[in-house]
N, C-alpha and C. Protein backbone atom coordinates (compact mmCIF):
# COMPACT_ATOMS: atom_id res chain seq x y z
N MET A 1 131.79 82.34 187.75
CA MET A 1 132.53 83.17 187.31
C MET A 1 132.59 82.85 186.23
N ILE A 2 132.89 81.17 185.81
CA ILE A 2 132.74 79.93 184.29
C ILE A 2 132.00 81.08 183.48
N ARG A 3 130.19 81.07 183.94
CA ARG A 3 128.83 81.25 182.60
C ARG A 3 129.66 83.07 182.63
N SER A 4 130.32 83.59 183.65
CA SER A 4 130.43 85.43 182.65
C SER A 4 131.76 85.50 181.78
N SER A 5 132.84 84.13 182.26
CA SER A 5 133.89 84.21 181.26
C SER A 5 133.52 84.19 180.12
N LEU A 6 132.64 83.37 179.49
CA LEU A 6 131.78 82.79 178.23
C LEU A 6 130.69 83.76 178.13
N PHE A 7 130.14 84.44 179.21
CA PHE A 7 129.24 85.10 178.12
C PHE A 7 130.42 86.15 177.14
N ALA A 8 131.06 86.69 178.14
CA ALA A 8 132.25 87.84 177.50
C ALA A 8 132.94 87.24 176.32
N GLY A 9 132.87 86.29 176.21
CA GLY A 9 133.54 85.60 174.98
C GLY A 9 132.27 85.72 173.95
N LEU A 10 130.97 85.50 174.44
CA LEU A 10 130.47 84.62 173.51
C LEU A 10 129.60 86.23 172.56
N LEU A 11 130.12 87.15 173.90
CA LEU A 11 129.72 88.83 173.54
C LEU A 11 130.95 89.45 172.38
N LEU A 12 131.72 89.10 172.45
CA LEU A 12 133.88 89.13 171.79
C LEU A 12 132.84 88.54 170.27
N ALA A 13 133.47 87.26 170.65
CA ALA A 13 133.32 86.45 169.03
C ALA A 13 131.91 87.25 168.02
N SER A 14 130.98 87.26 169.01
CA SER A 14 129.87 88.34 167.75
C SER A 14 129.93 89.31 167.79
N LEU A 15 130.62 90.22 168.54
CA LEU A 15 131.28 91.96 168.17
C LEU A 15 131.93 91.46 166.51
N SER A 16 133.27 90.19 167.22
CA SER A 16 133.44 90.39 165.89
C SER A 16 133.24 89.69 164.59
N ALA A 17 131.86 89.87 164.13
CA ALA A 17 131.58 88.80 163.29
C ALA A 17 130.67 89.83 163.00
N VAL A 18 130.80 91.15 163.18
CA VAL A 18 129.64 92.37 162.18
C VAL A 18 130.00 92.22 161.30
N PRO A 19 129.39 92.44 160.20
CA PRO A 19 129.33 92.18 158.35
C PRO A 19 130.65 93.29 157.71
N ALA A 20 131.72 92.28 157.53
CA ALA A 20 132.39 93.39 156.75
C ALA A 20 132.01 94.33 156.14
N SER A 21 130.42 94.00 155.09
CA SER A 21 130.86 95.01 154.19
C SER A 21 129.92 95.81 154.82
N ALA A 22 129.05 97.03 154.83
CA ALA A 22 127.86 97.33 155.09
C ALA A 22 126.74 97.34 154.11
N GLN A 23 127.03 96.29 152.64
CA GLN A 23 126.13 96.37 152.39
C GLN A 23 125.54 94.73 152.54
N GLN A 24 125.94 94.16 153.15
CA GLN A 24 125.12 93.33 154.20
C GLN A 24 123.87 93.11 154.98
N ILE A 25 123.01 92.66 154.31
CA ILE A 25 121.34 92.96 154.33
C ILE A 25 120.88 91.98 155.61
N GLN A 26 119.47 91.92 156.06
CA GLN A 26 119.12 90.77 157.09
C GLN A 26 118.55 90.35 155.65
N THR A 27 118.25 88.93 154.92
CA THR A 27 117.71 88.13 155.06
C THR A 27 116.76 86.90 154.92
N GLY A 28 116.73 86.97 156.76
CA GLY A 28 116.22 85.95 156.42
C GLY A 28 117.22 85.29 158.68
N VAL A 29 116.32 84.07 158.46
CA VAL A 29 116.65 83.78 159.61
C VAL A 29 117.03 81.64 159.23
N LEU A 30 118.26 81.24 159.30
CA LEU A 30 118.54 79.84 159.40
C LEU A 30 118.20 79.73 160.85
N GLU A 31 117.08 78.20 161.35
CA GLU A 31 117.23 77.66 162.25
C GLU A 31 117.29 75.98 161.66
N CYS A 32 118.37 75.00 162.97
CA CYS A 32 119.10 73.75 162.81
C CYS A 32 118.85 73.72 163.90
N ARG A 33 117.75 71.80 163.87
CA ARG A 33 118.13 71.50 165.29
C ARG A 33 119.02 69.79 164.51
N GLY A 34 118.77 69.24 165.69
CA GLY A 34 119.55 67.59 165.31
C GLY A 34 119.85 67.21 167.03
N GLY A 35 119.82 65.90 166.75
CA GLY A 35 120.25 64.89 167.82
C GLY A 35 121.22 64.51 168.47
N GLY A 36 122.24 64.00 169.01
CA GLY A 36 123.16 64.66 170.09
C GLY A 36 124.51 64.89 169.66
N SER A 37 125.76 65.02 170.70
CA SER A 37 126.83 64.93 170.27
C SER A 37 128.19 64.80 170.65
N VAL A 38 129.00 63.51 170.57
CA VAL A 38 129.66 63.49 171.47
C VAL A 38 131.16 63.91 171.26
N GLY A 39 131.44 64.55 172.41
CA GLY A 39 133.45 66.13 171.52
C GLY A 39 134.00 64.98 172.11
N PHE A 40 135.53 65.12 171.22
CA PHE A 40 136.20 64.15 171.24
C PHE A 40 137.86 64.32 171.71
N ILE A 41 137.14 65.84 172.63
CA ILE A 41 138.82 66.52 172.81
C ILE A 41 139.09 67.61 171.53
N ILE A 42 139.67 66.26 170.53
CA ILE A 42 140.05 67.82 170.04
C ILE A 42 138.70 68.04 168.89
N GLY A 43 137.47 67.57 168.30
CA GLY A 43 136.49 68.36 168.30
C GLY A 43 135.86 67.25 168.44
N SER A 44 134.71 67.46 167.37
CA SER A 44 133.11 67.36 167.12
C SER A 44 132.58 67.33 165.64
N VAL A 45 131.30 66.42 165.26
CA VAL A 45 130.62 66.59 164.73
C VAL A 45 128.87 66.23 164.98
N THR A 46 128.31 66.72 164.48
CA THR A 46 127.10 66.65 164.69
C THR A 46 125.87 66.91 163.46
N GLU A 47 124.65 66.20 162.63
CA GLU A 47 124.01 66.15 162.10
C GLU A 47 122.86 67.12 162.24
N LEU A 48 122.57 68.03 161.60
CA LEU A 48 121.13 68.65 161.65
C LEU A 48 120.01 69.16 160.37
N SER A 49 119.21 69.38 161.01
CA SER A 49 118.35 69.59 159.85
C SER A 49 117.48 71.09 159.73
N CYS A 50 117.55 71.96 158.79
CA CYS A 50 117.51 72.69 158.90
C CYS A 50 116.38 73.94 157.96
N ILE A 51 116.12 74.49 158.87
CA ILE A 51 114.81 75.21 157.60
C ILE A 51 114.92 77.02 157.64
N TYR A 52 115.29 77.72 155.78
CA TYR A 52 115.46 78.83 156.20
C TYR A 52 114.03 80.03 155.93
N ARG A 53 114.28 80.27 156.79
CA ARG A 53 112.86 81.01 157.68
C ARG A 53 113.30 82.59 157.06
N PRO A 54 113.47 82.96 155.54
CA PRO A 54 113.51 83.93 154.66
C PRO A 54 112.73 85.43 155.46
N ASP A 55 113.75 85.85 154.58
CA ASP A 55 111.97 88.31 154.98
C ASP A 55 111.05 87.92 152.99
N MET A 56 111.45 87.83 152.40
CA MET A 56 111.00 87.85 151.49
C MET A 56 111.36 85.54 150.78
N GLY A 57 110.42 85.40 150.23
CA GLY A 57 110.26 83.80 149.95
C GLY A 57 109.77 82.92 151.03
N PRO A 58 109.97 81.35 149.74
CA PRO A 58 108.78 80.32 150.29
C PRO A 58 109.74 80.12 151.74
N ARG A 59 109.43 79.09 152.59
CA ARG A 59 110.68 78.25 153.40
C ARG A 59 111.55 77.40 152.49
N GLN A 60 113.19 77.39 152.81
CA GLN A 60 113.28 75.75 152.62
C GLN A 60 114.16 75.34 153.16
N LEU A 61 114.46 73.86 152.94
CA LEU A 61 114.78 72.68 153.75
C LEU A 61 116.09 72.45 153.29
N TYR A 62 116.94 72.62 154.61
CA TYR A 62 118.39 72.13 153.80
C TYR A 62 119.01 70.59 155.20
N THR A 63 120.23 70.47 155.26
CA THR A 63 120.84 69.29 155.34
C THR A 63 122.30 69.86 155.56
N ALA A 64 122.62 69.97 157.42
CA ALA A 64 124.05 70.05 157.28
C ALA A 64 124.44 69.34 158.15
N VAL A 65 125.83 69.20 158.44
CA VAL A 65 126.56 69.21 159.49
C VAL A 65 128.21 69.94 159.33
N LEU A 66 127.61 70.02 161.05
CA LEU A 66 128.93 71.03 162.07
C LEU A 66 129.93 70.23 161.97
N ARG A 67 130.42 70.82 162.41
CA ARG A 67 132.61 70.50 162.67
C ARG A 67 133.40 70.83 163.15
N ARG A 68 133.69 70.24 164.69
CA ARG A 68 134.13 71.99 165.45
C ARG A 68 135.44 71.06 165.38
N ALA A 69 136.23 72.05 165.69
CA ALA A 69 137.71 71.77 165.74
C ALA A 69 138.28 72.45 167.35
N GLY A 70 139.14 72.26 167.85
CA GLY A 70 139.13 72.39 168.53
C GLY A 70 138.92 71.94 170.10
N VAL A 71 138.75 72.31 171.99
CA VAL A 71 138.20 71.73 172.97
C VAL A 71 137.12 71.49 173.17
N ASP A 72 136.61 70.14 173.48
CA ASP A 72 135.08 69.54 172.80
C ASP A 72 134.48 68.75 174.04
N LEU A 73 134.15 68.43 175.09
CA LEU A 73 134.69 67.79 175.44
C LEU A 73 133.54 67.61 176.37
N GLY A 74 133.07 66.37 176.65
CA GLY A 74 131.08 65.73 176.80
C GLY A 74 130.55 65.95 175.82
N GLY A 75 128.89 65.77 176.47
CA GLY A 75 127.81 65.41 175.25
C GLY A 75 127.26 66.25 175.10
N THR A 76 126.09 66.36 174.18
CA THR A 76 124.64 66.87 173.87
C THR A 76 123.72 65.31 173.75
N ALA A 77 122.06 65.85 174.66
CA ALA A 77 121.34 64.95 173.33
C ALA A 77 120.68 66.13 172.31
N VAL A 78 120.85 67.22 172.60
CA VAL A 78 119.87 67.65 171.49
C VAL A 78 120.41 68.67 171.41
N SER A 79 121.00 69.37 169.53
CA SER A 79 121.12 71.11 169.22
C SER A 79 119.95 71.97 168.99
N SER A 80 120.09 72.34 168.75
CA SER A 80 119.16 74.15 168.23
C SER A 80 119.46 75.29 168.52
N LEU A 81 119.69 75.81 166.99
CA LEU A 81 120.98 76.60 166.79
C LEU A 81 119.96 77.21 165.75
N VAL A 82 119.71 79.26 165.37
CA VAL A 82 119.58 80.11 164.71
C VAL A 82 120.52 80.87 164.76
N TRP A 83 120.47 81.59 163.26
CA TRP A 83 120.85 82.48 162.67
C TRP A 83 120.72 83.48 162.35
N ALA A 84 121.16 84.26 161.65
CA ALA A 84 120.81 85.19 161.10
C ALA A 84 121.61 85.48 159.42
N VAL A 85 121.10 85.30 159.24
CA VAL A 85 121.50 84.69 158.26
C VAL A 85 121.48 86.93 157.47
N PHE A 86 122.41 86.89 156.74
CA PHE A 86 123.40 88.54 156.07
C PHE A 86 123.31 88.36 154.76
N ALA A 87 123.85 89.34 153.68
CA ALA A 87 123.84 88.89 152.39
C ALA A 87 123.64 90.07 151.45
N PRO A 88 124.52 90.35 150.02
CA PRO A 88 124.96 91.03 150.15
C PRO A 88 123.19 91.96 149.52
N THR A 89 122.57 90.63 149.04
CA THR A 89 121.75 91.14 148.15
C THR A 89 119.82 90.50 149.72
N GLN A 90 118.72 91.58 149.21
CA GLN A 90 117.43 90.85 150.20
C GLN A 90 117.27 89.63 149.68
N GLN A 91 116.73 89.46 148.86
CA GLN A 91 116.56 87.66 148.08
C GLN A 91 117.07 87.30 147.84
N LEU A 92 117.14 86.18 148.04
CA LEU A 92 117.70 84.75 147.94
C LEU A 92 117.49 83.77 147.28
N GLY A 93 117.89 83.43 146.21
CA GLY A 93 116.62 81.95 145.76
C GLY A 93 116.31 80.86 145.85
N LEU A 94 116.07 79.68 146.14
CA LEU A 94 116.55 78.32 146.38
C LEU A 94 117.82 78.07 146.00
N GLY A 95 117.80 77.12 147.56
CA GLY A 95 119.31 75.86 147.42
C GLY A 95 120.61 77.80 147.47
N ASP A 96 119.95 78.34 147.23
CA ASP A 96 121.57 80.03 147.54
C ASP A 96 122.08 79.69 148.90
N LEU A 97 121.97 79.75 150.14
CA LEU A 97 123.08 79.30 150.74
C LEU A 97 123.41 77.62 151.14
N SER A 98 122.94 76.49 149.91
CA SER A 98 124.13 76.23 150.03
C SER A 98 125.62 76.32 149.99
N GLY A 99 126.91 75.24 150.75
CA GLY A 99 127.74 75.61 150.57
C GLY A 99 128.26 74.98 152.01
N ASN A 100 129.52 75.58 151.78
CA ASN A 100 130.63 75.89 152.98
C ASN A 100 130.68 77.09 153.95
N TYR A 101 130.46 77.30 155.05
CA TYR A 101 131.07 78.40 156.02
C TYR A 101 132.55 78.61 156.79
N GLY A 102 132.44 78.16 157.77
CA GLY A 102 134.39 78.43 158.67
C GLY A 102 133.67 79.25 159.99
N GLY A 103 133.82 79.55 160.93
CA GLY A 103 134.11 80.33 161.45
C GLY A 103 134.85 80.00 162.67
N VAL A 104 134.07 80.27 164.15
CA VAL A 104 134.55 80.75 165.50
C VAL A 104 133.35 80.19 166.10
N THR A 105 133.45 78.88 167.45
CA THR A 105 131.97 78.78 168.12
C THR A 105 132.68 77.81 169.76
N ALA A 106 132.01 79.09 170.42
CA ALA A 106 132.02 78.54 172.00
C ALA A 106 130.84 78.21 173.41
N GLY A 107 130.88 77.69 173.92
CA GLY A 107 130.16 77.77 174.78
C GLY A 107 130.42 76.67 175.59
N ALA A 108 128.98 76.10 176.66
CA ALA A 108 128.87 75.43 177.32
C ALA A 108 127.67 74.80 177.74
N ALA A 109 127.49 73.93 178.19
CA ALA A 109 125.74 73.02 178.86
C ALA A 109 126.48 71.87 180.00
N VAL A 110 125.76 72.55 181.26
CA VAL A 110 125.48 71.70 182.36
C VAL A 110 124.34 71.50 181.82
N GLY A 111 123.24 70.76 181.61
CA GLY A 111 122.23 70.18 182.05
C GLY A 111 121.47 71.21 180.85
N VAL A 112 121.16 72.55 180.67
CA VAL A 112 120.73 73.32 180.03
C VAL A 112 122.06 74.49 179.42
N GLY A 113 122.42 74.71 178.26
CA GLY A 113 123.21 75.49 177.96
C GLY A 113 123.01 76.08 176.94
N LEU A 114 124.55 77.30 175.86
CA LEU A 114 124.01 77.45 175.65
C LEU A 114 125.46 78.02 174.81
N GLY A 115 125.51 78.64 173.41
CA GLY A 115 127.18 78.13 172.42
C GLY A 115 126.73 79.82 171.84
N ALA A 116 127.93 80.11 170.61
CA ALA A 116 127.79 80.70 169.78
C ALA A 116 128.49 80.28 168.93
N ASN A 117 127.92 80.32 166.87
CA ASN A 117 129.09 79.89 166.30
C ASN A 117 129.14 80.95 165.16
N VAL A 118 129.68 81.34 165.16
CA VAL A 118 129.71 83.43 163.90
C VAL A 118 130.23 82.61 162.73
N LEU A 119 129.67 82.40 161.43
CA LEU A 119 129.90 81.72 160.51
C LEU A 119 130.38 81.96 158.82
N TYR A 120 130.74 82.45 158.16
CA TYR A 120 130.63 82.72 157.14
C TYR A 120 130.80 81.46 155.27
N GLY A 121 130.12 82.26 154.46
CA GLY A 121 130.84 81.35 153.47
C GLY A 121 130.04 80.61 152.58
N GLY A 122 129.04 80.69 151.86
CA GLY A 122 127.93 79.92 151.00
C GLY A 122 128.41 80.21 149.88
N SER A 123 127.36 81.24 149.20
CA SER A 123 127.11 81.46 147.51
C SER A 123 128.72 82.45 147.55
N ASN A 124 129.60 81.89 146.76
CA ASN A 124 130.73 82.83 146.94
C ASN A 124 131.51 83.42 147.87
N ASN A 125 131.30 82.26 149.36
CA ASN A 125 131.65 83.03 150.28
C ASN A 125 131.62 84.98 150.74
N SER A 126 129.53 84.87 150.41
CA SER A 126 128.97 86.18 150.63
C SER A 126 127.89 86.34 151.68
N VAL A 127 128.11 85.30 152.43
CA VAL A 127 127.27 85.15 153.10
C VAL A 127 127.61 84.50 154.64
N ALA A 128 126.35 85.56 155.87
CA ALA A 128 127.10 85.18 156.85
C ALA A 128 126.37 84.82 157.54
N LEU A 129 126.38 83.82 158.29
CA LEU A 129 125.56 83.47 158.55
C LEU A 129 125.94 84.18 161.21
N GLN A 130 124.86 84.39 161.98
CA GLN A 130 124.94 85.45 162.47
C GLN A 130 124.22 84.78 164.13
N PRO A 131 125.37 84.75 165.67
CA PRO A 131 123.98 84.65 166.42
C PRO A 131 123.27 85.91 166.15
N LEU A 132 122.77 85.93 166.66
CA LEU A 132 121.00 85.10 166.95
C LEU A 132 121.82 83.37 166.95
N SER A 133 123.07 83.12 166.54
CA SER A 133 123.47 81.58 166.92
C SER A 133 123.83 81.18 167.43
N VAL A 134 122.84 81.58 168.69
CA VAL A 134 122.66 81.70 170.50
C VAL A 134 122.23 79.68 170.09
N GLU A 135 123.02 79.01 169.77
CA GLU A 135 122.76 77.37 170.34
C GLU A 135 122.48 77.15 171.48
N GLY A 136 121.80 76.00 171.74
CA GLY A 136 120.79 76.00 172.86
C GLY A 136 120.65 74.26 172.95
N GLN A 137 121.74 73.23 174.70
CA GLN A 137 122.09 71.99 174.24
C GLN A 137 122.23 71.94 175.16
N VAL A 138 121.26 70.53 175.23
CA VAL A 138 120.94 69.64 176.76
C VAL A 138 121.90 68.54 176.91
N GLY A 139 122.89 68.80 177.94
CA GLY A 139 123.78 67.51 177.85
C GLY A 139 124.82 67.72 179.11
N LEU A 140 126.08 67.88 178.77
CA LEU A 140 127.49 67.97 179.98
C LEU A 140 128.28 68.58 178.62
N ASN A 141 128.76 69.47 178.21
CA ASN A 141 129.48 70.20 176.61
C ASN A 141 130.40 71.36 177.24
N VAL A 142 132.07 71.50 176.76
CA VAL A 142 132.47 72.48 176.79
C VAL A 142 133.33 72.67 175.59
N PHE A 143 133.37 73.83 175.07
CA PHE A 143 133.83 73.28 173.40
C PHE A 143 134.22 75.39 173.16
N GLY A 144 135.40 75.19 172.76
CA GLY A 144 135.78 76.58 171.64
C GLY A 144 136.66 76.44 170.98
N GLY A 145 136.34 76.80 169.89
CA GLY A 145 137.99 76.99 169.37
C GLY A 145 136.89 77.20 167.78
N LEU A 146 136.90 76.36 166.43
CA LEU A 146 137.22 76.80 164.61
C LEU A 146 135.94 75.64 164.61
N ALA A 147 134.74 76.27 164.10
CA ALA A 147 133.72 75.86 163.04
C ALA A 147 133.53 75.43 161.68
N GLY A 148 132.90 74.28 161.59
CA GLY A 148 132.64 74.46 160.07
C GLY A 148 131.44 73.79 159.90
N LEU A 149 130.29 74.59 158.24
CA LEU A 149 128.74 73.79 158.69
C LEU A 149 129.02 74.15 157.37
N GLU A 150 128.38 72.51 156.72
CA GLU A 150 128.02 72.79 155.22
C GLU A 150 126.98 72.78 155.15
N LEU A 151 126.71 73.01 154.33
CA LEU A 151 124.70 73.65 154.24
C LEU A 151 124.66 73.64 152.55
N ARG A 152 123.64 71.91 153.07
CA ARG A 152 122.82 71.18 151.40
C ARG A 152 121.96 71.33 150.91
N PHE A 153 120.76 72.07 150.50
CA PHE A 153 119.80 72.40 150.08
C PHE A 153 119.13 71.07 149.92
N GLN A 154 117.71 71.57 149.85
CA GLN A 154 117.12 69.69 150.04
C GLN A 154 116.00 69.94 149.21
N PRO A 155 115.99 69.84 147.90
CA PRO A 155 114.55 70.47 146.99
C PRO A 155 113.48 69.36 147.58
């Protein structure tokens, strides 16, 4: 029952995250991995290492800090997130994903679990990170609320 409610919530969040502009184009995939995190009831902070794999151009390395505000109970040992990257142009330059993103988050883990983070921001608030951000976790955790991602280019 909990998993079906969670799935319905994730689906709703994903559908509400369709790019507002018909001019948004998928430019590649952003993959992030991080160590554990501990929920503090009202939020959590997780540090991540990320690779942007553009459809055109070289791979780019980023570091990220994912902050959640809302219900966040439990802890995780490993987090892995994958987002489809949408932008107003097909090709993004080196470091163009750098910036601050915000959006909604929800998920749960009992052993292995799933989550979703739908985020907008980046260069002039023109980049959307959308699930594919199905988040893989190992641990015991439940979360939901708002998320912020600070993404920094590593030359």
